Amino acid sequence: MELKTDLTLDAKGLACPMPIVKTKKTMKDIEAGQVLEIQATDKGSKADLEAWAKSAGHQYLGTIEEGDVLKHYVRKSSGEEEQEKKHPNVVNNENLDALRKNDDVLVLDVRESAEYGFEHIPEATSIPLGELEERADELDRTKNVYIVCRTGSRSDLAAQKLTEKGFENVYNVVPGMSDWNGETTKL
């Protein structure tokens, strides 16, 4: 079955956050109700685009895998353009580095497992954004949760998700691992 779309965006070969950055830009150029097909090869793009679409008020329709290519379908929201939600509690890398070894701190890395494996903060717990919904109960709700990703986009979405699930002390770390100068380790 061929799916009818209004526009196709080629984001193949791009890593996070570029598929979302290009999608945001393209969504501004299409009309409400139109469907955008985003072609990507980044495996993390499914969870990223689904979460972004929800936070931006657009309708995530689904993803079809064709070989190495993920075809994501997003319908632009109708009516008034909703303002993209941002998690209000943000800290920078330096603040996290100063706090990360405290007993009341939980560092949560929501990047894909391969990203985490090649370099991560030693104390960080790895739960990729796409698994956070079903694995949130593994986290200690009594701790201050500092969420890190590569640039602050996925961690922002993760912070919103945990807050919706009743976590009280949740912080998005910006800019995240793309500019982390603190201690790291590899698997």
C-alpha atoms as a PDB file:
ATOM      1  CA  MET A   1       0.000   0.000   0.000  1.00  0.00           C
ATOM      2  CA  GLU A   2       1.415   3.384  -1.006  1.00  0.00           C
ATOM      3  CA  LEU A   3       0.935   6.098   1.619  1.00  0.00           C
ATOM      4  CA  LYS A   4       0.004   9.526   0.274  1.00  0.00           C
ATOM      5  CA  THR A   5       2.146  12.316   1.672  1.00  0.00           C
ATOM      6  CA  ASP A   6       2.403  15.997   0.844  1.00  0.00           C
ATOM      7  CA  LEU A   7       6.175  16.284   1.158  1.00  0.00           C
ATOM      8  CA  THR A   8       9.196  14.032   1.699  1.00  0.00           C
ATOM      9  CA  LEU A   9      12.192  15.086   3.780  1.00  0.00           C
ATOM     10  CA  ASP A  10      15.506  13.290   3.246  1.00  0.00           C
ATOM     11  CA  ALA A  11      17.294  13.029   6.596  1.00  0.00           C
ATOM     12  CA  LYS A  12      19.230   9.859   5.716  1.00  0.00           C
ATOM     13  CA  GLY A  13      22.764   9.731   7.113  1.00  0.00           C
ATOM     14  CA  LEU A  14      22.049  12.416   9.729  1.00  0.00           C
ATOM     15  CA  ALA A  15      22.452  11.820  13.471  1.00  0.00           C
ATOM     16  CA  CYS A  16      20.526  13.359  16.353  1.00  0.00           C
ATOM     17  CA  PRO A  17      19.474  16.132  16.580  1.00  0.00           C
ATOM     18  CA  MET A  18      19.548  16.852  12.823  1.00  0.00           C
ATOM     19  CA  PRO A  19      16.486  14.783  11.759  1.00  0.00           C
ATOM     20  CA  ILE A  20      14.384  16.772  14.263  1.00  0.00           C
ATOM     21  CA  VAL A  21      16.023  20.100  13.343  1.00  0.00           C
ATOM     22  CA  LYS A  22      15.267  19.520   9.642  1.00  0.00           C
ATOM     23  CA  THR A  23      11.742  18.293  10.437  1.00  0.00           C
ATOM     24  CA  LYS A  24      10.976  21.406  12.540  1.00  0.00           C
ATOM     25  CA  LYS A  25      12.145  23.649   9.693  1.00  0.00           C
ATOM     26  CA  THR A  26      10.148  21.724   7.074  1.00  0.00           C
ATOM     27  CA  MET A  27       6.965  21.682   9.209  1.00  0.00           C
ATOM     28  CA  LYS A  28       6.974  25.502   9.127  1.00  0.00           C
ATOM     29  CA  ASP A  29       6.722  25.359   5.310  1.00  0.00           C
ATOM     30  CA  ILE A  30       3.721  23.022   5.060  1.00  0.00           C
ATOM     31  CA  GLU A  31       0.070  23.684   5.802  1.00  0.00           C
ATOM     32  CA  ALA A  32      -1.994  22.360   8.705  1.00  0.00           C
ATOM     33  CA  GLY A  33      -3.321  18.878   7.951  1.00  0.00           C
ATOM     34  CA  GLN A  34      -0.565  18.000   5.490  1.00  0.00           C
ATOM     35  CA  VAL A  35       1.523  14.862   6.033  1.00  0.00           C
ATOM     36  CA  LEU A  36       5.320  14.902   5.981  1.00  0.00           C
ATOM     37  CA  GLU A  37       7.366  11.761   5.311  1.00  0.00           C
ATOM     38  CA  ILE A  38      10.775  11.898   6.984  1.00  0.00           C
ATOM     39  CA  GLN A  39      13.307   9.373   5.680  1.00  0.00           C
ATOM     40  CA  ALA A  40      16.059   8.665   8.202  1.00  0.00           C
ATOM     41  CA  THR A  41      18.729   6.069   8.928  1.00  0.00           C
ATOM     42  CA  ASP A  42      19.324   7.052  12.581  1.00  0.00           C
ATOM     43  CA  LYS A  43      17.688   4.258  14.619  1.00  0.00           C
ATOM     44  CA  GLY A  44      17.001   6.682  17.458  1.00  0.00           C
ATOM     45  CA  SER A  45      14.955   8.906  15.165  1.00  0.00           C
ATOM     46  CA  LYS A  46      11.762   6.878  15.762  1.00  0.00           C
ATOM     47  CA  ALA A  47      11.546   7.695  19.464  1.00  0.00           C
ATOM     48  CA  ASP A  48      12.905  11.206  18.876  1.00  0.00           C
ATOM     49  CA  LEU A  49      10.392  12.150  16.179  1.00  0.00           C
ATOM     50  CA  GLU A  50       7.470  10.556  17.984  1.00  0.00           C
ATOM     51  CA  ALA A  51       8.250  12.446  21.197  1.00  0.00           C
ATOM     52  CA  TRP A  52       8.972  15.710  19.358  1.00  0.00           C
ATOM     53  CA  ALA A  53       5.729  15.525  17.363  1.00  0.00           C
ATOM     54  CA  LYS A  54       3.746  15.046  20.581  1.00  0.00           C
ATOM     55  CA  SER A  55       5.487  17.939  22.364  1.00  0.00           C
ATOM     56  CA  ALA A  56       5.029  20.220  19.314  1.00  0.00           C
ATOM     57  CA  GLY A  57       1.333  19.333  19.031  1.00  0.00           C
ATOM     58  CA  HIS A  58       1.648  17.484  15.716  1.00  0.00           C
ATOM     59  CA  GLN A  59       0.270  13.992  15.057  1.00  0.00           C
ATOM     60  CA  TYR A  60       2.862  11.216  14.806  1.00  0.00           C
ATOM     61  CA  LEU A  61       1.265   8.665  12.484  1.00  0.00           C
ATOM     62  CA  GLY A  62       3.887   5.907  12.523  1.00  0.00           C
ATOM     63  CA  THR A  63       7.077   4.514  11.032  1.00  0.00           C
ATOM     64  CA  ILE A  64       7.673   1.994   8.257  1.00  0.00           C
ATOM     65  CA  GLU A  65      11.057   0.287   8.006  1.00  0.00           C
ATOM     66  CA  GLU A  66      12.397  -0.409   4.524  1.00  0.00           C
ATOM     67  CA  GLY A  67      15.838  -1.966   4.868  1.00  0.00           C
ATOM     68  CA  ASP A  68      18.072   0.557   6.637  1.00  0.00           C
ATOM     69  CA  VAL A  69      15.665   3.431   6.009  1.00  0.00           C
ATOM     70  CA  LEU A  70      13.014   4.461   8.531  1.00  0.00           C
ATOM     71  CA  LYS A  71      10.092   6.311   6.969  1.00  0.00           C
ATOM     72  CA  HIS A  72       8.379   8.424   9.612  1.00  0.00           C
ATOM     73  CA  TYR A  73       4.990  10.042   9.013  1.00  0.00           C
ATOM     74  CA  VAL A  74       3.906  13.206  10.826  1.00  0.00           C
ATOM     75  CA  ARG A  75       0.737  15.248  10.206  1.00  0.00           C
ATOM     76  CA  LYS A  76       1.003  18.971  10.907  1.00  0.00           C
ATOM     77  CA  SER A  77      -1.384  20.140  13.610  1.00  0.00           C
ATOM     78  CA  SER A  78      -4.548  21.939  12.587  1.00  0.00           C
ATOM     79  CA  GLY A  79      -5.701  25.344  13.689  1.00  0.00           C
ATOM     80  CA  GLU A  80      -3.588  27.484  15.937  1.00  0.00           C
ATOM     81  CA  GLU A  81       0.058  26.483  16.002  1.00  0.00           C
ATOM     82  CA  GLU A  82       0.802  25.078  19.432  1.00  0.00           C
ATOM     83  CA  GLN A  83       3.906  26.333  21.146  1.00  0.00           C
ATOM     84  CA  GLU A  84       6.447  23.537  21.564  1.00  0.00           C
ATOM     85  CA  LYS A  85       6.668  22.575  25.223  1.00  0.00           C
ATOM     86  CA  LYS A  86      10.012  22.852  26.966  1.00  0.00           C
ATOM     87  CA  HIS A  87      10.846  21.406  30.372  1.00  0.00           C
ATOM     88  CA  PRO A  88      11.282  24.355  32.763  1.00  0.00           C
ATOM     89  CA  ASN A  89      14.110  22.931  34.927  1.00  0.00           C
ATOM     90  CA  VAL A  90      17.406  23.210  33.054  1.00  0.00           C
ATOM     91  CA  VAL A  91      20.996  22.960  34.297  1.00  0.00           C
ATOM     92  CA  ASN A  92      24.253  23.261  32.402  1.00  0.00           C
ATOM     93  CA  ASN A  93      27.046  20.700  32.126  1.00  0.00           C
ATOM     94  CA  GLU A  94      29.171  22.429  34.775  1.00  0.00           C
ATOM     95  CA  ASN A  95      26.342  22.260  37.345  1.00  0.00           C
ATOM     96  CA  LEU A  96      25.852  18.550  36.658  1.00  0.00           C
ATOM     97  CA  ASP A  97      29.587  17.877  36.909  1.00  0.00           C
ATOM     98  CA  ALA A  98      29.653  19.520  40.357  1.00  0.00           C
ATOM     99  CA  LEU A  99      26.594  17.542  41.563  1.00  0.00           C
ATOM    100  CA  ARG A 100      26.911  14.151  39.869  1.00  0.00           C
ATOM    101  CA  LYS A 101      28.567  12.262  42.741  1.00  0.00           C
ATOM    102  CA  ASN A 102      26.048  13.359  45.402  1.00  0.00           C
ATOM    103  CA  ASP A 103      23.965  10.555  46.942  1.00  0.00           C
ATOM    104  CA  ASP A 104      20.674  12.268  46.050  1.00  0.00           C
ATOM    105  CA  VAL A 105      21.553  12.571  42.336  1.00  0.00           C
ATOM    106  CA  LEU A 106      20.608  10.182  39.548  1.00  0.00           C
ATOM    107  CA  VAL A 107      22.185  10.852  36.147  1.00  0.00           C
ATOM    108  CA  LEU A 108      19.987   9.401  33.391  1.00  0.00           C
ATOM    109  CA  ASP A 109      21.444   9.075  29.865  1.00  0.00           C
ATOM    110  CA  VAL A 110      18.630   8.756  27.280  1.00  0.00           C
ATOM    111  CA  ARG A 111      20.840   8.352  24.201  1.00  0.00           C
ATOM    112  CA  GLU A 112      20.827   5.108  22.224  1.00  0.00           C
ATOM    113  CA  SER A 113      22.843   2.285  23.818  1.00  0.00           C
ATOM    114  CA  ALA A 114      25.619   2.528  21.197  1.00  0.00           C
ATOM    115  CA  GLU A 115      26.064   6.245  21.910  1.00  0.00           C
ATOM    116  CA  TYR A 116      26.177   5.507  25.636  1.00  0.00           C
ATOM    117  CA  GLY A 117      28.601   2.622  25.164  1.00  0.00           C
ATOM    118  CA  PHE A 118      31.223   4.652  23.353  1.00  0.00           C
ATOM    119  CA  GLU A 119      31.282   7.467  25.930  1.00  0.00           C
ATOM    120  CA  HIS A 120      29.238   8.281  29.014  1.00  0.00           C
ATOM    121  CA  ILE A 121      29.364   9.884  32.448  1.00  0.00           C
ATOM    122  CA  PRO A 122      30.570   7.140  34.859  1.00  0.00           C
ATOM    123  CA  GLU A 123      27.573   7.420  37.223  1.00  0.00           C
ATOM    124  CA  ALA A 124      24.987   7.547  34.408  1.00  0.00           C
ATOM    125  CA  THR A 125      22.169   5.031  34.072  1.00  0.00           C
ATOM    126  CA  SER A 126      21.329   4.196  30.455  1.00  0.00           C
ATOM    127  CA  ILE A 127      17.675   4.081  29.378  1.00  0.00           C
ATOM    128  CA  PRO A 128      17.214   5.126  25.723  1.00  0.00           C
ATOM    129  CA  LEU A 129      14.350   7.584  25.183  1.00  0.00           C
ATOM    130  CA  GLY A 130      12.368   4.971  23.248  1.00  0.00           C
ATOM    131  CA  GLU A 131      12.389   2.655  26.295  1.00  0.00           C
ATOM    132  CA  LEU A 132      11.709   5.288  28.965  1.00  0.00           C
ATOM    133  CA  GLU A 133       7.930   4.864  28.990  1.00  0.00           C
ATOM    134  CA  GLU A 134       8.088   1.193  30.020  1.00  0.00           C
ATOM    135  CA  ARG A 135      11.262   1.435  32.162  1.00  0.00           C
ATOM    136  CA  ALA A 136      10.550   4.598  34.188  1.00  0.00           C
ATOM    137  CA  ASP A 137       9.717   2.520  37.293  1.00  0.00           C
ATOM    138  CA  GLU A 138      13.367   1.369  37.397  1.00  0.00           C
ATOM    139  CA  LEU A 139      14.308   4.894  38.513  1.00  0.00           C
ATOM    140  CA  ASP A 140      14.461   6.065  42.123  1.00  0.00           C
ATOM    141  CA  ARG A 141      11.752   8.734  42.514  1.00  0.00           C
ATOM    142  CA  THR A 142      13.370  10.087  45.698  1.00  0.00           C
ATOM    143  CA  LYS A 143      16.443  11.315  43.814  1.00  0.00           C
ATOM    144  CA  ASN A 144      17.071  14.447  41.781  1.00  0.00           C
ATOM    145  CA  VAL A 145      17.084  13.149  38.187  1.00  0.00           C
ATOM    146  CA  TYR A 146      19.483  14.892  35.787  1.00  0.00           C
ATOM    147  CA  ILE A 147      18.789  13.809  32.213  1.00  0.00           C
ATOM    148  CA  VAL A 148      21.489  13.953  29.555  1.00  0.00           C
ATOM    149  CA  CYS A 149      21.553  13.237  25.815  1.00  0.00           C
ATOM    150  CA  ARG A 150      23.800  14.531  23.057  1.00  0.00           C
ATOM    151  CA  THR A 151      22.382  18.072  22.724  1.00  0.00           C
ATOM    152  CA  GLY A 152      19.503  18.551  25.165  1.00  0.00           C
ATOM    153  CA  SER A 153      16.616  17.694  22.787  1.00  0.00           C
ATOM    154  CA  ARG A 154      15.931  14.083  23.764  1.00  0.00           C
ATOM    155  CA  SER A 155      16.650  14.878  27.400  1.00  0.00           C
ATOM    156  CA  ASP A 156      14.051  17.679  27.260  1.00  0.00           C
ATOM    157  CA  LEU A 157      11.453  15.206  25.971  1.00  0.00           C
ATOM    158  CA  ALA A 158      12.493  12.653  28.604  1.00  0.00           C
ATOM    159  CA  ALA A 159      12.207  15.273  31.369  1.00  0.00           C
ATOM    160  CA  GLN A 160       8.655  16.053  30.227  1.00  0.00           C
ATOM    161  CA  LYS A 161       7.780  12.328  30.225  1.00  0.00           C
ATOM    162  CA  LEU A 162       9.118  11.719  33.739  1.00  0.00           C
ATOM    163  CA  THR A 163       7.338  14.813  35.063  1.00  0.00           C
ATOM    164  CA  GLU A 164       4.077  13.545  33.532  1.00  0.00           C
ATOM    165  CA  LYS A 165       4.698  10.247  35.362  1.00  0.00           C
ATOM    166  CA  GLY A 166       4.926  12.063  38.710  1.00  0.00           C
ATOM    167  CA  PHE A 167       8.690  12.500  39.130  1.00  0.00           C
ATOM    168  CA  GLU A 168       9.207  15.745  41.051  1.00  0.00           C
ATOM    169  CA  ASN A 169      12.880  16.750  40.788  1.00  0.00           C
ATOM    170  CA  VAL A 170      13.757  16.392  37.109  1.00  0.00           C
ATOM    171  CA  TYR A 171      16.362  18.497  35.279  1.00  0.00           C
ATOM    172  CA  ASN A 172      17.318  18.707  31.611  1.00  0.00           C
ATOM    173  CA  VAL A 173      21.099  19.003  31.135  1.00  0.00           C
ATOM    174  CA  VAL A 174      22.042  21.375  28.302  1.00  0.00           C
ATOM    175  CA  PRO A 175      24.017  21.142  26.067  1.00  0.00           C
ATOM    176  CA  GLY A 176      24.723  17.557  27.127  1.00  0.00           C
ATOM    177  CA  MET A 177      27.340  15.129  25.865  1.00  0.00           C
ATOM    178  CA  SER A 178      28.146  17.117  22.694  1.00  0.00           C
ATOM    179  CA  ASP A 179      29.996  19.612  24.926  1.00  0.00           C
ATOM    180  CA  TRP A 180      30.741  17.523  28.048  1.00  0.00           C
ATOM    181  CA  ASN A 181      34.202  18.240  29.490  1.00  0.00           C
ATOM    182  CA  GLY A 182      33.819  16.201  32.674  1.00  0.00           C
ATOM    183  CA  GLU A 183      34.972  12.658  33.359  1.00  0.00           C
ATOM    184  CA  THR A 184      33.766   9.953  30.948  1.00  0.00           C
ATOM    185  CA  THR A 185      34.117   6.216  30.623  1.00  0.00           C
ATOM    186  CA  LYS A 186      33.531   3.647  27.892  1.00  0.00           C
ATOM    187  CA  LEU A 187      32.061   0.134  28.060  1.00  0.00           C
END
